[in-house]
Amino acid sequence: MFLEGPQSRTRELLMLLRAGRDFLRGFRTLHFVGPCVTVFGSARFKEDHPYYEEARQVGRALVRMGFTVMTGGGPGVMEGANRGAKEAGGRSVACNIELPFEQAPNPYLDDVVTCHYFFVRKVLLLKYSYAFVVLPGGFGTLDELSEALTLIQTGKIEQFPVVLMGREYWTPFLDMSQRMIEAGTISPHDLDLMCVTDSVDEAMAHIEEKAVLRFGLARRRRRPSILLGERRRRFTPGARATSPRP
């Protein structure tokens, strides 16, 4: 296991090589799929759950804006968002994770990278996205949300929009954030990093303003390198945002 403490030099070298292999596969697979928006949320919601349907609506709406929808590749909210993207005729990608109980990728994916380590997966889920939409979820979703907010707060990534879907669900988290402000552990303006809403339309308007317009997505375009054996898959979302993040 990765967190078992010091291992033999051989085992630690193998861990390093395995992580490097996952990064390399991820970089090569995802380099030309963007611009992306990553959707986070629980894997436990079934198809008939309202949050699954909301994720599906989010996926459709993001594709209509010209984005590729990226998720963790599992069931529940992740499947709903990927499914909505495919139903709208857009691109749907994922960074899946190897787990003891075998989290299989959902069937609505054009490209998927399967990672052995969670930290590699989190890097890939954040690296290619201009916005993050967070639906209700558990510890993993909180981890991903906190990671995105911390990186934005500390200036490690740009101030990309973070949208929390489900005002009632996220109220305890916002209350806790307010207590952090009162205790002086975060700044009052850190709450401005999040847009909390129950409306898919409001979420998309926020992403339009804070991502599409702010970063001029339609003006950037990358081309694959023949020397590196890269190729751009034939795919046209038919919308403004047509280039990967720099």
Foldseek 3Di string as FASTA:
>chain_A
DVPPPDDPPVVVVVVVVQLVVLLVVLCQQCVWQFLAEEEAAAQPDDCPDPLLQVLLVLLLLCLQQPGEYEYQQAHDSLLSNLNSVVVNVHAYEYEHEDDPVDRDGDPSHPYYRYGDDPVSRLCSSPVWYLEYEYEYHDPVSVVSVVVVLVCCQVVVDDLRAYEYADCVRCVVVVVVVVVCCVVVVDPPCSVVSYHYDNDSVVVVVVNCVRGCVVVVQQVDADADDVVVVHHHDDGDSPHRRRHIDD
